[in-house]
Amino acid sequence: MGVFTSESELVSPVSAAKLFKAIVVDAANVFPKALPNFIKSAETIEGDGGPGTIKKLTLAEGLGFVKHQVDAIDTENYVYNYSVIEGSALSDTLEKISYEYKLVGTDDGGSIVKCMSKYYTKGDEKLAEEFVKAGKERSAAFTKAIQDFILANPHYN
């Protein structure tokens, strides 16, 4: 098995607390509203939200689904680790993809979103640089969509 790592960092005008709540705690409500052309529904299918919990995202028509497992969650420090374990996000060459999101508050009330992605390939498979780049772009677009939802809905807290 090979492991390929990618890191990215985004600056957001939204606080770490609000982003964390939207991405982690309130995902079932927020994801379909923030990403209606991509995510049809989000649900917890096993567990209580802590480590070991299995969540399922049903994607838009023709895109399939993604299941992920919560690996670690730290609500006080806004850290969320999960692994994609099943679904259309995994190619024939990937065993799983693990993500670590860390949200850090900034002095102006916004946040820095730090994301580390680890791609675990099957056997000696290699991972194309384009695949990793596309993953970074999807992650950034996903975070921006959640951010835009929060900014467009000031009552969201």
N, C-alpha and C. Protein backbone atom coordinates (compact mmCIF):
# COMPACT_ATOMS: atom_id res chain seq x y z
N MET A 1 0.84 -1.17 0.00
CA MET A 1 0.00 0.00 0.00
C MET A 1 0.89 1.23 0.00
N GLY A 2 0.53 2.17 -0.88
CA GLY A 2 1.22 3.45 -0.90
C GLY A 2 0.36 4.51 -0.22
N VAL A 3 1.02 5.51 0.32
CA VAL A 3 0.30 6.61 0.95
C VAL A 3 0.80 7.91 0.33
N PHE A 4 -0.13 8.69 -0.21
CA PHE A 4 0.19 9.97 -0.82
C PHE A 4 -0.50 11.06 -0.02
N THR A 5 0.26 12.08 0.39
CA THR A 5 -0.26 13.12 1.26
C THR A 5 -0.33 14.45 0.53
N SER A 6 -1.37 15.19 0.83
CA SER A 6 -1.58 16.51 0.25
C SER A 6 -2.05 17.44 1.36
N GLU A 7 -1.57 18.67 1.36
CA GLU A 7 -1.99 19.65 2.37
C GLU A 7 -2.46 20.92 1.69
N SER A 8 -3.45 21.56 2.30
CA SER A 8 -3.93 22.83 1.79
C SER A 8 -4.36 23.71 2.96
N GLU A 9 -4.47 24.99 2.67
CA GLU A 9 -4.86 25.95 3.69
C GLU A 9 -5.71 27.03 3.03
N LEU A 10 -6.84 27.34 3.65
CA LEU A 10 -7.74 28.37 3.14
C LEU A 10 -8.04 29.36 4.24
N VAL A 11 -8.21 30.62 3.86
CA VAL A 11 -8.58 31.65 4.80
C VAL A 11 -10.07 31.94 4.61
N SER A 12 -10.80 32.01 5.71
CA SER A 12 -12.24 32.25 5.64
C SER A 12 -12.63 33.40 6.56
N PRO A 13 -13.62 34.20 6.13
CA PRO A 13 -14.11 35.26 7.02
C PRO A 13 -15.05 34.72 8.10
N VAL A 14 -15.40 33.43 8.02
CA VAL A 14 -16.32 32.80 8.98
C VAL A 14 -15.50 32.24 10.14
N SER A 15 -16.04 32.37 11.34
CA SER A 15 -15.33 31.89 12.53
C SER A 15 -15.13 30.38 12.50
N ALA A 16 -14.11 29.94 13.19
CA ALA A 16 -13.83 28.51 13.29
C ALA A 16 -15.01 27.77 13.91
N ALA A 17 -15.63 28.36 14.92
CA ALA A 17 -16.77 27.72 15.60
C ALA A 17 -17.94 27.49 14.65
N LYS A 18 -18.28 28.50 13.84
CA LYS A 18 -19.40 28.36 12.92
C LYS A 18 -19.10 27.37 11.80
N LEU A 19 -17.89 27.43 11.25
CA LEU A 19 -17.53 26.48 10.19
C LEU A 19 -17.52 25.06 10.72
N PHE A 20 -16.96 24.87 11.91
CA PHE A 20 -16.91 23.53 12.49
C PHE A 20 -18.33 22.99 12.70
N LYS A 21 -19.19 23.83 13.24
CA LYS A 21 -20.58 23.40 13.47
C LYS A 21 -21.23 22.98 12.16
N ALA A 22 -21.06 23.79 11.10
CA ALA A 22 -21.69 23.50 9.82
C ALA A 22 -21.12 22.25 9.15
N ILE A 23 -19.81 22.08 9.21
CA ILE A 23 -19.15 20.97 8.52
C ILE A 23 -19.27 19.66 9.30
N VAL A 24 -19.25 19.73 10.62
CA VAL A 24 -19.20 18.52 11.43
C VAL A 24 -20.51 18.24 12.15
N VAL A 25 -20.96 19.16 12.96
CA VAL A 25 -22.10 18.92 13.84
C VAL A 25 -23.43 18.93 13.09
N ASP A 26 -23.59 19.87 12.18
CA ASP A 26 -24.88 20.08 11.52
C ASP A 26 -24.83 19.71 10.03
N ALA A 27 -23.95 18.80 9.66
CA ALA A 27 -23.74 18.44 8.26
C ALA A 27 -25.01 17.96 7.57
N ALA A 28 -25.81 17.15 8.24
CA ALA A 28 -27.02 16.60 7.61
C ALA A 28 -27.97 17.71 7.18
N ASN A 29 -27.98 18.80 7.89
CA ASN A 29 -28.84 19.94 7.56
C ASN A 29 -28.17 20.87 6.55
N VAL A 30 -26.91 21.16 6.74
CA VAL A 30 -26.22 22.17 5.95
C VAL A 30 -25.78 21.68 4.57
N PHE A 31 -25.21 20.50 4.46
CA PHE A 31 -24.63 20.06 3.19
C PHE A 31 -25.61 20.12 2.02
N PRO A 32 -26.82 19.54 2.14
CA PRO A 32 -27.74 19.60 0.99
C PRO A 32 -28.17 21.03 0.63
N LYS A 33 -28.20 21.93 1.60
CA LYS A 33 -28.56 23.32 1.33
C LYS A 33 -27.40 24.09 0.71
N ALA A 34 -26.20 23.85 1.19
CA ALA A 34 -25.02 24.58 0.70
C ALA A 34 -24.52 24.04 -0.63
N LEU A 35 -24.74 22.76 -0.88
CA LEU A 35 -24.25 22.11 -2.10
C LEU A 35 -25.37 21.35 -2.80
N PRO A 36 -26.48 22.01 -3.15
CA PRO A 36 -27.64 21.30 -3.68
C PRO A 36 -27.41 20.58 -5.01
N ASN A 37 -26.45 21.03 -5.80
CA ASN A 37 -26.16 20.38 -7.07
C ASN A 37 -25.17 19.22 -6.92
N PHE A 38 -24.69 19.01 -5.71
CA PHE A 38 -23.70 17.95 -5.47
C PHE A 38 -24.15 16.95 -4.42
N ILE A 39 -24.74 17.42 -3.32
CA ILE A 39 -25.14 16.53 -2.23
C ILE A 39 -26.66 16.55 -2.07
N LYS A 40 -27.25 15.38 -2.25
CA LYS A 40 -28.69 15.23 -2.12
C LYS A 40 -29.10 15.11 -0.65
N SER A 41 -28.33 14.32 0.11
CA SER A 41 -28.62 14.15 1.53
C SER A 41 -27.36 13.71 2.27
N ALA A 42 -27.37 13.96 3.58
CA ALA A 42 -26.28 13.53 4.47
C ALA A 42 -26.94 12.95 5.70
N GLU A 43 -26.45 11.81 6.14
CA GLU A 43 -27.06 11.16 7.29
C GLU A 43 -26.05 10.32 8.07
N THR A 44 -26.30 10.18 9.35
CA THR A 44 -25.52 9.27 10.18
C THR A 44 -26.22 7.93 10.12
N ILE A 45 -25.50 6.89 9.71
CA ILE A 45 -26.13 5.58 9.61
C ILE A 45 -25.72 4.63 10.73
N GLU A 46 -24.69 5.03 11.48
CA GLU A 46 -24.26 4.23 12.62
C GLU A 46 -23.45 5.10 13.56
N GLY A 47 -23.72 5.01 14.85
CA GLY A 47 -22.93 5.73 15.84
C GLY A 47 -23.59 7.00 16.34
N ASP A 48 -22.87 7.67 17.24
CA ASP A 48 -23.40 8.86 17.92
C ASP A 48 -22.68 10.15 17.53
N GLY A 49 -21.89 10.11 16.47
CA GLY A 49 -21.15 11.28 16.02
C GLY A 49 -19.68 11.25 16.41
N GLY A 50 -19.33 10.42 17.38
CA GLY A 50 -17.95 10.30 17.82
C GLY A 50 -17.16 9.32 16.97
N PRO A 51 -15.93 9.02 17.37
CA PRO A 51 -15.10 8.07 16.63
C PRO A 51 -15.84 6.75 16.38
N GLY A 52 -15.71 6.26 15.16
CA GLY A 52 -16.38 5.02 14.76
C GLY A 52 -17.71 5.26 14.06
N THR A 53 -18.25 6.46 14.16
CA THR A 53 -19.52 6.79 13.51
C THR A 53 -19.36 6.68 11.99
N ILE A 54 -20.38 6.13 11.34
CA ILE A 54 -20.40 6.03 9.88
C ILE A 54 -21.45 7.02 9.35
N LYS A 55 -21.02 7.86 8.42
CA LYS A 55 -21.92 8.82 7.79
C LYS A 55 -21.99 8.53 6.30
N LYS A 56 -23.15 8.82 5.72
CA LYS A 56 -23.34 8.59 4.29
C LYS A 56 -23.81 9.87 3.62
N LEU A 57 -23.13 10.23 2.55
CA LEU A 57 -23.55 11.33 1.70
C LEU A 57 -24.11 10.72 0.42
N THR A 58 -25.36 11.01 0.14
CA THR A 58 -25.95 10.60 -1.13
C THR A 58 -25.76 11.79 -2.06
N LEU A 59 -25.06 11.53 -3.15
CA LEU A 59 -24.70 12.60 -4.07
C LEU A 59 -25.80 12.82 -5.11
N ALA A 60 -25.67 13.87 -5.87
CA ALA A 60 -26.64 14.21 -6.90
C ALA A 60 -26.75 13.06 -7.91
N GLU A 61 -27.85 13.09 -8.62
CA GLU A 61 -28.17 12.05 -9.61
C GLU A 61 -26.96 11.67 -10.46
N GLY A 62 -26.65 10.38 -10.48
CA GLY A 62 -25.57 9.87 -11.29
C GLY A 62 -24.19 9.92 -10.66
N LEU A 63 -24.08 10.53 -9.47
CA LEU A 63 -22.77 10.64 -8.83
C LEU A 63 -22.53 9.61 -7.73
N GLY A 64 -23.57 8.87 -7.36
CA GLY A 64 -23.39 7.80 -6.37
C GLY A 64 -23.50 8.27 -4.94
N PHE A 65 -22.64 7.71 -4.10
CA PHE A 65 -22.65 8.00 -2.67
C PHE A 65 -21.25 7.90 -2.13
N VAL A 66 -21.07 8.39 -0.90
CA VAL A 66 -19.78 8.27 -0.21
C VAL A 66 -20.09 7.94 1.25
N LYS A 67 -19.41 6.95 1.78
CA LYS A 67 -19.51 6.65 3.21
C LYS A 67 -18.18 7.03 3.85
N HIS A 68 -18.29 7.68 5.00
CA HIS A 68 -17.05 7.96 5.73
C HIS A 68 -17.21 7.63 7.20
N GLN A 69 -16.08 7.33 7.79
CA GLN A 69 -16.02 6.95 9.19
C GLN A 69 -15.27 8.02 9.96
N VAL A 70 -15.87 8.44 11.08
CA VAL A 70 -15.21 9.43 11.94
C VAL A 70 -14.05 8.74 12.65
N ASP A 71 -12.86 9.29 12.49
CA ASP A 71 -11.67 8.73 13.14
C ASP A 71 -11.39 9.44 14.47
N ALA A 72 -11.57 10.75 14.49
CA ALA A 72 -11.35 11.54 15.72
C ALA A 72 -12.11 12.85 15.58
N ILE A 73 -12.54 13.37 16.71
CA ILE A 73 -13.24 14.65 16.72
C ILE A 73 -12.87 15.39 18.01
N ASP A 74 -12.46 16.63 17.86
CA ASP A 74 -12.08 17.46 19.00
C ASP A 74 -12.86 18.77 18.86
N THR A 75 -14.01 18.84 19.54
CA THR A 75 -14.89 20.00 19.41
C THR A 75 -14.32 21.27 20.05
N GLU A 76 -13.44 21.11 21.01
CA GLU A 76 -12.85 22.29 21.67
C GLU A 76 -11.78 22.95 20.81
N ASN A 77 -11.04 22.14 20.06
CA ASN A 77 -9.96 22.68 19.22
C ASN A 77 -10.30 22.68 17.73
N TYR A 78 -11.55 22.34 17.41
CA TYR A 78 -12.05 22.35 16.03
C TYR A 78 -11.21 21.48 15.08
N VAL A 79 -11.02 20.23 15.49
CA VAL A 79 -10.28 19.27 14.67
C VAL A 79 -11.21 18.11 14.36
N TYR A 80 -11.23 17.70 13.10
CA TYR A 80 -12.11 16.62 12.66
C TYR A 80 -11.34 15.73 11.71
N ASN A 81 -11.22 14.45 12.05
CA ASN A 81 -10.54 13.46 11.21
C ASN A 81 -11.57 12.42 10.78
N TYR A 82 -11.58 12.13 9.49
CA TYR A 82 -12.46 11.07 8.99
C TYR A 82 -11.83 10.41 7.78
N SER A 83 -12.34 9.22 7.47
CA SER A 83 -11.83 8.47 6.32
C SER A 83 -12.98 8.07 5.41
N VAL A 84 -12.82 8.31 4.11
CA VAL A 84 -13.76 7.82 3.12
C VAL A 84 -13.46 6.33 2.98
N ILE A 85 -14.47 5.50 3.28
CA ILE A 85 -14.25 4.05 3.30
C ILE A 85 -15.01 3.30 2.22
N GLU A 86 -15.94 3.99 1.56
CA GLU A 86 -16.74 3.32 0.53
C GLU A 86 -17.39 4.37 -0.35
N GLY A 87 -17.62 4.01 -1.61
CA GLY A 87 -18.39 4.88 -2.49
C GLY A 87 -17.64 5.39 -3.69
N SER A 88 -18.30 6.28 -4.40
CA SER A 88 -17.80 6.75 -5.69
C SER A 88 -16.55 7.62 -5.62
N ALA A 89 -16.18 8.10 -4.44
CA ALA A 89 -14.94 8.89 -4.30
C ALA A 89 -13.69 8.01 -4.38
N LEU A 90 -13.89 6.71 -4.19
CA LEU A 90 -12.75 5.78 -4.25
C LEU A 90 -12.68 5.16 -5.64
N SER A 91 -11.52 5.27 -6.24
CA SER A 91 -11.30 4.66 -7.54
C SER A 91 -10.87 3.20 -7.33
N ASP A 92 -10.65 2.51 -8.42
CA ASP A 92 -10.19 1.12 -8.33
C ASP A 92 -8.82 1.01 -7.67
N THR A 93 -8.07 2.09 -7.65
CA THR A 93 -6.72 2.06 -7.11
C THR A 93 -6.65 2.50 -5.64
N LEU A 94 -7.74 3.06 -5.11
CA LEU A 94 -7.71 3.58 -3.74
C LEU A 94 -8.42 2.67 -2.75
N GLU A 95 -7.75 2.44 -1.63
CA GLU A 95 -8.35 1.69 -0.53
C GLU A 95 -9.20 2.61 0.34
N LYS A 96 -8.66 3.80 0.65
CA LYS A 96 -9.39 4.79 1.42
C LYS A 96 -8.69 6.13 1.27
N ILE A 97 -9.41 7.20 1.69
CA ILE A 97 -8.84 8.53 1.76
C ILE A 97 -9.14 9.05 3.16
N SER A 98 -8.10 9.52 3.85
CA SER A 98 -8.27 10.08 5.19
C SER A 98 -8.05 11.58 5.14
N TYR A 99 -8.88 12.29 5.89
CA TYR A 99 -8.80 13.75 5.94
C TYR A 99 -8.67 14.21 7.38
N GLU A 100 -7.89 15.27 7.56
CA GLU A 100 -7.85 15.96 8.85
C GLU A 100 -8.12 17.42 8.58
N TYR A 101 -9.22 17.90 9.16
CA TYR A 101 -9.56 19.32 9.09
C TYR A 101 -9.24 19.94 10.44
N LYS A 102 -8.52 21.04 10.40
CA LYS A 102 -8.24 21.80 11.61
C LYS A 102 -8.59 23.24 11.31
N LEU A 103 -9.49 23.80 12.12
CA LEU A 103 -9.91 25.17 11.94
C LEU A 103 -9.31 26.01 13.06
N VAL A 104 -8.61 27.08 12.67
CA VAL A 104 -7.92 27.94 13.62
C VAL A 104 -8.50 29.34 13.50
N GLY A 105 -8.95 29.88 14.62
CA GLY A 105 -9.50 31.23 14.63
C GLY A 105 -8.44 32.27 14.34
N THR A 106 -8.85 33.36 13.71
CA THR A 106 -7.94 34.47 13.43
C THR A 106 -8.37 35.69 14.24
N ASP A 107 -7.49 36.65 14.36
CA ASP A 107 -7.76 37.85 15.17
C ASP A 107 -8.94 38.66 14.66
N ASP A 108 -9.24 38.55 13.37
CA ASP A 108 -10.34 39.33 12.80
C ASP A 108 -11.69 38.62 12.87
N GLY A 109 -11.74 37.50 13.58
CA GLY A 109 -13.00 36.76 13.74
C GLY A 109 -13.23 35.69 12.70
N GLY A 110 -12.35 35.58 11.74
CA GLY A 110 -12.45 34.56 10.71
C GLY A 110 -11.71 33.30 11.13
N SER A 111 -11.25 32.55 10.15
CA SER A 111 -10.53 31.32 10.48
C SER A 111 -9.61 30.91 9.34
N ILE A 112 -8.70 30.03 9.68
CA ILE A 112 -7.85 29.37 8.69
C ILE A 112 -8.25 27.90 8.72
N VAL A 113 -8.57 27.37 7.54
CA VAL A 113 -8.96 25.97 7.41
C VAL A 113 -7.75 25.21 6.88
N LYS A 114 -7.23 24.32 7.71
CA LYS A 114 -6.08 23.51 7.31
C LYS A 114 -6.58 22.10 7.04
N CYS A 115 -6.23 21.57 5.88
CA CYS A 115 -6.69 20.24 5.51
C CYS A 115 -5.50 19.39 5.06
N MET A 116 -5.41 18.21 5.66
CA MET A 116 -4.42 17.23 5.21
C MET A 116 -5.19 16.03 4.68
N SER A 117 -4.87 15.62 3.47
CA SER A 117 -5.50 14.47 2.84
C SER A 117 -4.44 13.39 2.66
N LYS A 118 -4.82 12.16 2.99
CA LYS A 118 -3.93 11.02 2.78
C LYS A 118 -4.67 10.00 1.93
N TYR A 119 -4.08 9.70 0.79
CA TYR A 119 -4.65 8.74 -0.15
C TYR A 119 -3.93 7.42 0.00
N TYR A 120 -4.66 6.38 0.34
CA TYR A 120 -4.09 5.05 0.54
C TYR A 120 -4.40 4.20 -0.69
N THR A 121 -3.36 3.87 -1.45
CA THR A 121 -3.57 3.09 -2.66
C THR A 121 -3.50 1.60 -2.38
N LYS A 122 -4.12 0.84 -3.26
CA LYS A 122 -4.08 -0.62 -3.17
C LYS A 122 -2.77 -1.11 -3.76
N GLY A 123 -2.13 -2.03 -3.08
CA GLY A 123 -0.89 -2.61 -3.58
C GLY A 123 0.16 -1.56 -3.89
N ASP A 124 0.76 -1.70 -5.08
CA ASP A 124 1.81 -0.76 -5.50
C ASP A 124 1.29 0.31 -6.45
N GLU A 125 -0.01 0.52 -6.46
CA GLU A 125 -0.60 1.50 -7.36
C GLU A 125 -0.03 2.89 -7.10
N LYS A 126 0.09 3.65 -8.16
CA LYS A 126 0.55 5.04 -8.08
C LYS A 126 -0.68 5.94 -8.19
N LEU A 127 -0.52 7.15 -7.74
CA LEU A 127 -1.61 8.12 -7.78
C LEU A 127 -1.18 9.29 -8.67
N ALA A 128 -1.99 9.60 -9.66
CA ALA A 128 -1.67 10.69 -10.58
C ALA A 128 -1.75 12.03 -9.86
N GLU A 129 -0.81 12.91 -10.17
CA GLU A 129 -0.78 14.24 -9.58
C GLU A 129 -2.08 15.00 -9.87
N GLU A 130 -2.66 14.76 -11.03
CA GLU A 130 -3.93 15.41 -11.40
C GLU A 130 -5.04 15.01 -10.44
N PHE A 131 -5.03 13.78 -9.97
CA PHE A 131 -6.05 13.30 -9.04
C PHE A 131 -5.95 14.05 -7.71
N VAL A 132 -4.73 14.20 -7.22
CA VAL A 132 -4.49 14.91 -5.97
C VAL A 132 -4.88 16.38 -6.13
N LYS A 133 -4.51 16.98 -7.24
CA LYS A 133 -4.85 18.38 -7.51
C LYS A 133 -6.37 18.55 -7.55
N ALA A 134 -7.07 17.66 -8.22
CA ALA A 134 -8.53 17.72 -8.30
C ALA A 134 -9.15 17.58 -6.91
N GLY A 135 -8.57 16.75 -6.06
CA GLY A 135 -9.04 16.59 -4.69
C GLY A 135 -8.91 17.87 -3.90
N LYS A 136 -7.80 18.57 -4.07
CA LYS A 136 -7.59 19.86 -3.39
C LYS A 136 -8.63 20.88 -3.85
N GLU A 137 -8.88 20.89 -5.15
CA GLU A 137 -9.85 21.83 -5.71
C GLU A 137 -11.26 21.53 -5.20
N ARG A 138 -11.64 20.26 -5.11
CA ARG A 138 -12.96 19.88 -4.59
C ARG A 138 -13.08 20.29 -3.12
N SER A 139 -12.04 20.05 -2.35
CA SER A 139 -12.05 20.41 -0.93
C SER A 139 -12.22 21.91 -0.75
N ALA A 140 -11.50 22.69 -1.54
CA ALA A 140 -11.61 24.15 -1.45
C ALA A 140 -13.01 24.61 -1.85
N ALA A 141 -13.56 24.03 -2.92
CA ALA A 141 -14.90 24.41 -3.38
C ALA A 141 -15.95 24.02 -2.34
N PHE A 142 -15.77 22.88 -1.72
CA PHE A 142 -16.69 22.41 -0.68
C PHE A 142 -16.68 23.40 0.49
N THR A 143 -15.49 23.74 0.97
CA THR A 143 -15.37 24.67 2.10
C THR A 143 -15.95 26.03 1.74
N LYS A 144 -15.68 26.51 0.54
CA LYS A 144 -16.22 27.80 0.11
C LYS A 144 -17.74 27.76 0.06
N ALA A 145 -18.32 26.67 -0.41
CA ALA A 145 -19.78 26.56 -0.48
C ALA A 145 -20.40 26.61 0.92
N ILE A 146 -19.77 25.95 1.88
CA ILE A 146 -20.27 25.98 3.26
C ILE A 146 -20.13 27.40 3.81
N GLN A 147 -18.98 28.02 3.56
CA GLN A 147 -18.75 29.40 3.99
C GLN A 147 -19.80 30.33 3.39
N ASP A 148 -20.05 30.21 2.09
CA ASP A 148 -21.03 31.07 1.41
C ASP A 148 -22.43 30.86 1.98
N PHE A 149 -22.77 29.61 2.32
CA PHE A 149 -24.07 29.34 2.94
C PHE A 149 -24.19 30.08 4.26
N ILE A 150 -23.16 30.01 5.09
CA ILE A 150 -23.19 30.68 6.39
C ILE A 150 -23.31 32.19 6.22
N LEU A 151 -22.53 32.76 5.28
CA LEU A 151 -22.58 34.20 5.06
C LEU A 151 -23.94 34.66 4.52
N ALA A 152 -24.58 33.81 3.71
CA ALA A 152 -25.89 34.14 3.14
C ALA A 152 -27.03 33.93 4.15
N ASN A 153 -26.74 33.26 5.24
CA ASN A 153 -27.73 32.96 6.27
C ASN A 153 -27.21 33.44 7.62
N PRO A 154 -27.22 34.74 7.85
CA PRO A 154 -26.63 35.29 9.08
C PRO A 154 -27.25 34.77 10.36
N HIS A 155 -28.48 34.24 10.28
CA HIS A 155 -29.11 33.67 11.46
C HIS A 155 -28.49 32.32 11.85
N TYR A 156 -27.73 31.72 10.91
CA TYR A 156 -27.11 30.43 11.20
C TYR A 156 -26.03 30.63 12.26
N ASN A 157 -26.10 29.89 13.33
CA ASN A 157 -25.06 29.95 14.37
C ASN A 157 -24.93 28.60 14.97
